[in-house]
Amino acid sequence: MLFNSLPFLFLFLITYLIYWNVDVPAKKKVLFVSSIVFYGYSHITFLIHFLLIIGINYYLSVKLWEKKKKGNPQKVF
C-alpha cells in the first residue's frame, strides 16, 4: 500500500480517529490491529511474515528473560 493512495488515506483516517477516541490502555491494541490491517491489505504473505516475525521475537524475548532471571545475566548472550 502506497502512502499516497486513497485506501491508505482512508485507513489512516479511521485509525487516527479511533486512536484518539479510546482510552490509554486500548491505544496499543488499536495500533496493533491497524498495523495488521495495513500489512494484510497489501498481500497476505506480508501479513503471514509479519505475524511470524512477531511470534519469533516474542518467543525469544521470553526465553532471554527466563535465562536472565535464573542466573548470571552475562550468560544470556
N, C-alpha and C. Protein backbone atom coordinates (compact mmCIF):
# COMPACT_ATOMS: atom_id res chain seq x y z
N MET A 1 0.85 -1.17 0.00
CA MET A 1 0.00 0.00 0.00
C MET A 1 0.90 1.23 0.00
N LEU A 2 0.65 2.11 -0.91
CA LEU A 2 1.42 3.33 -1.01
C LEU A 2 0.85 4.39 -0.06
N PHE A 3 1.75 5.25 0.41
CA PHE A 3 1.32 6.28 1.34
C PHE A 3 0.41 7.33 0.70
N ASN A 4 0.49 7.49 -0.60
CA ASN A 4 -0.34 8.49 -1.26
C ASN A 4 -1.56 7.88 -1.96
N SER A 5 -1.89 6.64 -1.64
CA SER A 5 -3.07 6.01 -2.25
C SER A 5 -4.31 6.32 -1.42
N LEU A 6 -5.44 6.26 -2.05
CA LEU A 6 -6.70 6.53 -1.35
C LEU A 6 -7.02 5.50 -0.27
N PRO A 7 -6.78 4.20 -0.49
CA PRO A 7 -7.04 3.25 0.60
C PRO A 7 -6.19 3.53 1.84
N PHE A 8 -4.93 3.92 1.63
CA PHE A 8 -4.08 4.24 2.79
C PHE A 8 -4.64 5.44 3.54
N LEU A 9 -4.98 6.49 2.82
CA LEU A 9 -5.50 7.69 3.47
C LEU A 9 -6.80 7.39 4.22
N PHE A 10 -7.66 6.57 3.63
CA PHE A 10 -8.91 6.21 4.28
C PHE A 10 -8.65 5.40 5.56
N LEU A 11 -7.80 4.37 5.47
CA LEU A 11 -7.50 3.55 6.65
C LEU A 11 -6.75 4.35 7.71
N PHE A 12 -5.87 5.24 7.26
CA PHE A 12 -5.13 6.08 8.22
C PHE A 12 -6.09 7.01 8.96
N LEU A 13 -7.03 7.59 8.25
CA LEU A 13 -8.00 8.47 8.89
C LEU A 13 -8.83 7.71 9.92
N ILE A 14 -9.27 6.52 9.58
CA ILE A 14 -10.04 5.70 10.53
C ILE A 14 -9.19 5.36 11.75
N THR A 15 -7.95 4.95 11.51
CA THR A 15 -7.05 4.61 12.61
C THR A 15 -6.80 5.81 13.51
N TYR A 16 -6.56 6.96 12.90
CA TYR A 16 -6.29 8.19 13.65
C TYR A 16 -7.48 8.56 14.53
N LEU A 17 -8.67 8.50 13.97
CA LEU A 17 -9.86 8.87 14.73
C LEU A 17 -10.14 7.89 15.86
N ILE A 18 -9.96 6.62 15.60
CA ILE A 18 -10.18 5.62 16.65
C ILE A 18 -9.12 5.77 17.74
N TYR A 19 -7.87 5.97 17.35
CA TYR A 19 -6.77 6.07 18.31
C TYR A 19 -7.01 7.19 19.32
N TRP A 20 -7.44 8.34 18.86
CA TRP A 20 -7.61 9.48 19.76
C TRP A 20 -8.94 9.47 20.50
N ASN A 21 -9.80 8.49 20.23
CA ASN A 21 -11.09 8.42 20.92
C ASN A 21 -11.22 7.19 21.82
N VAL A 22 -10.13 6.49 22.08
CA VAL A 22 -10.17 5.35 23.01
C VAL A 22 -9.33 5.67 24.23
N ASP A 23 -9.51 4.88 25.27
CA ASP A 23 -8.73 5.05 26.49
C ASP A 23 -7.28 4.65 26.25
N VAL A 24 -6.42 5.07 27.16
CA VAL A 24 -4.98 4.82 27.02
C VAL A 24 -4.65 3.33 26.91
N PRO A 25 -5.22 2.44 27.73
CA PRO A 25 -4.86 1.02 27.59
C PRO A 25 -5.21 0.41 26.23
N ALA A 26 -6.22 0.94 25.57
CA ALA A 26 -6.65 0.38 24.29
C ALA A 26 -5.87 0.92 23.10
N LYS A 27 -5.07 1.95 23.30
CA LYS A 27 -4.35 2.58 22.19
C LYS A 27 -3.36 1.62 21.54
N LYS A 28 -2.67 0.83 22.34
CA LYS A 28 -1.72 -0.14 21.77
C LYS A 28 -2.45 -1.20 20.95
N LYS A 29 -3.60 -1.60 21.41
CA LYS A 29 -4.38 -2.60 20.67
C LYS A 29 -4.86 -2.04 19.34
N VAL A 30 -5.25 -0.77 19.33
CA VAL A 30 -5.69 -0.13 18.09
C VAL A 30 -4.54 -0.10 17.10
N LEU A 31 -3.35 0.26 17.56
CA LEU A 31 -2.19 0.31 16.67
C LEU A 31 -1.81 -1.07 16.17
N PHE A 32 -1.91 -2.08 17.03
CA PHE A 32 -1.59 -3.45 16.62
C PHE A 32 -2.55 -3.94 15.55
N VAL A 33 -3.83 -3.75 15.78
CA VAL A 33 -4.83 -4.20 14.81
C VAL A 33 -4.71 -3.43 13.50
N SER A 34 -4.48 -2.13 13.59
CA SER A 34 -4.36 -1.35 12.36
C SER A 34 -3.11 -1.73 11.57
N SER A 35 -2.03 -2.06 12.25
CA SER A 35 -0.83 -2.50 11.52
C SER A 35 -1.07 -3.83 10.83
N ILE A 36 -1.83 -4.72 11.46
CA ILE A 36 -2.18 -5.99 10.81
C ILE A 36 -3.03 -5.73 9.57
N VAL A 37 -3.98 -4.81 9.68
CA VAL A 37 -4.82 -4.48 8.53
C VAL A 37 -3.98 -3.87 7.41
N PHE A 38 -3.07 -2.96 7.73
CA PHE A 38 -2.23 -2.34 6.72
C PHE A 38 -1.34 -3.37 6.02
N TYR A 39 -0.74 -4.27 6.80
CA TYR A 39 0.10 -5.30 6.20
C TYR A 39 -0.73 -6.29 5.39
N GLY A 40 -1.87 -6.66 5.89
CA GLY A 40 -2.71 -7.63 5.20
C GLY A 40 -3.36 -7.08 3.95
N TYR A 41 -3.53 -5.79 3.88
CA TYR A 41 -4.15 -5.18 2.70
C TYR A 41 -3.27 -5.33 1.47
N SER A 42 -1.97 -5.22 1.65
CA SER A 42 -1.05 -5.32 0.52
C SER A 42 -1.04 -6.73 -0.07
N HIS A 43 -0.76 -7.69 0.78
CA HIS A 43 -0.69 -9.08 0.33
C HIS A 43 -0.70 -9.97 1.55
N ILE A 44 -1.34 -11.10 1.45
CA ILE A 44 -1.48 -11.99 2.60
C ILE A 44 -0.13 -12.55 3.05
N THR A 45 0.82 -12.71 2.13
CA THR A 45 2.12 -13.24 2.53
C THR A 45 2.87 -12.25 3.41
N PHE A 46 2.67 -10.95 3.19
CA PHE A 46 3.28 -9.95 4.07
C PHE A 46 2.72 -10.07 5.48
N LEU A 47 1.42 -10.32 5.57
CA LEU A 47 0.79 -10.47 6.88
C LEU A 47 1.30 -11.71 7.59
N ILE A 48 1.42 -12.81 6.87
CA ILE A 48 1.94 -14.05 7.47
C ILE A 48 3.37 -13.84 7.95
N HIS A 49 4.18 -13.19 7.13
CA HIS A 49 5.57 -12.90 7.51
C HIS A 49 5.61 -12.00 8.73
N PHE A 50 4.79 -10.98 8.77
CA PHE A 50 4.73 -10.04 9.88
C PHE A 50 4.36 -10.76 11.18
N LEU A 51 3.33 -11.59 11.14
CA LEU A 51 2.91 -12.32 12.34
C LEU A 51 3.94 -13.36 12.77
N LEU A 52 4.61 -13.98 11.81
CA LEU A 52 5.65 -14.94 12.13
C LEU A 52 6.83 -14.26 12.84
N ILE A 53 7.24 -13.11 12.35
CA ILE A 53 8.33 -12.37 12.99
C ILE A 53 7.94 -11.92 14.39
N ILE A 54 6.71 -11.48 14.57
CA ILE A 54 6.24 -11.08 15.90
C ILE A 54 6.30 -12.28 16.85
N GLY A 55 5.83 -13.43 16.40
CA GLY A 55 5.84 -14.63 17.23
C GLY A 55 7.25 -15.07 17.61
N ILE A 56 8.16 -15.04 16.65
CA ILE A 56 9.55 -15.43 16.92
C ILE A 56 10.19 -14.47 17.91
N ASN A 57 9.99 -13.18 17.72
CA ASN A 57 10.57 -12.19 18.63
C ASN A 57 10.01 -12.33 20.04
N TYR A 58 8.72 -12.59 20.15
CA TYR A 58 8.11 -12.78 21.46
C TYR A 58 8.69 -14.01 22.14
N TYR A 59 8.78 -15.11 21.41
CA TYR A 59 9.32 -16.35 21.97
C TYR A 59 10.77 -16.15 22.45
N LEU A 60 11.60 -15.52 21.63
CA LEU A 60 12.99 -15.31 22.01
C LEU A 60 13.12 -14.36 23.20
N SER A 61 12.29 -13.34 23.26
CA SER A 61 12.37 -12.42 24.40
C SER A 61 11.94 -13.11 25.69
N VAL A 62 10.95 -14.00 25.63
CA VAL A 62 10.55 -14.74 26.82
C VAL A 62 11.67 -15.66 27.28
N LYS A 63 12.32 -16.34 26.34
CA LYS A 63 13.42 -17.24 26.71
C LYS A 63 14.60 -16.46 27.29
N LEU A 64 14.92 -15.31 26.71
CA LEU A 64 16.01 -14.49 27.25
C LEU A 64 15.67 -13.98 28.65
N TRP A 65 14.43 -13.59 28.86
CA TRP A 65 14.01 -13.11 30.17
C TRP A 65 14.09 -14.23 31.21
N GLU A 66 13.72 -15.45 30.83
CA GLU A 66 13.81 -16.58 31.76
C GLU A 66 15.26 -16.87 32.12
N LYS A 67 16.16 -16.82 31.14
CA LYS A 67 17.57 -17.06 31.43
C LYS A 67 18.15 -15.97 32.31
N LYS A 68 17.73 -14.75 32.10
CA LYS A 68 18.23 -13.64 32.90
C LYS A 68 17.78 -13.78 34.35
N LYS A 69 16.56 -14.24 34.57
CA LYS A 69 16.04 -14.40 35.92
C LYS A 69 16.70 -15.56 36.65
N LYS A 70 17.13 -16.59 35.93
CA LYS A 70 17.69 -17.79 36.56
C LYS A 70 19.09 -17.57 37.11
N GLY A 71 19.89 -16.87 36.38
CA GLY A 71 21.28 -16.81 36.83
C GLY A 71 21.98 -15.54 36.41
N ASN A 72 23.21 -15.72 36.06
CA ASN A 72 24.08 -14.61 35.69
C ASN A 72 23.60 -13.98 34.38
N PRO A 73 23.29 -12.68 34.39
CA PRO A 73 22.80 -12.04 33.17
C PRO A 73 23.85 -11.99 32.05
N GLN A 74 25.12 -12.17 32.40
CA GLN A 74 26.16 -12.15 31.38
C GLN A 74 26.13 -13.43 30.55
N LYS A 75 25.51 -14.48 31.05
CA LYS A 75 25.44 -15.74 30.32
C LYS A 75 24.30 -15.75 29.30
N VAL A 76 23.48 -14.72 29.28
CA VAL A 76 22.35 -14.69 28.36
C VAL A 76 22.83 -14.64 26.93
N PHE A 77 23.80 -13.82 26.64
CA PHE A 77 24.31 -13.70 25.28
C PHE A 77 25.58 -14.48 25.15
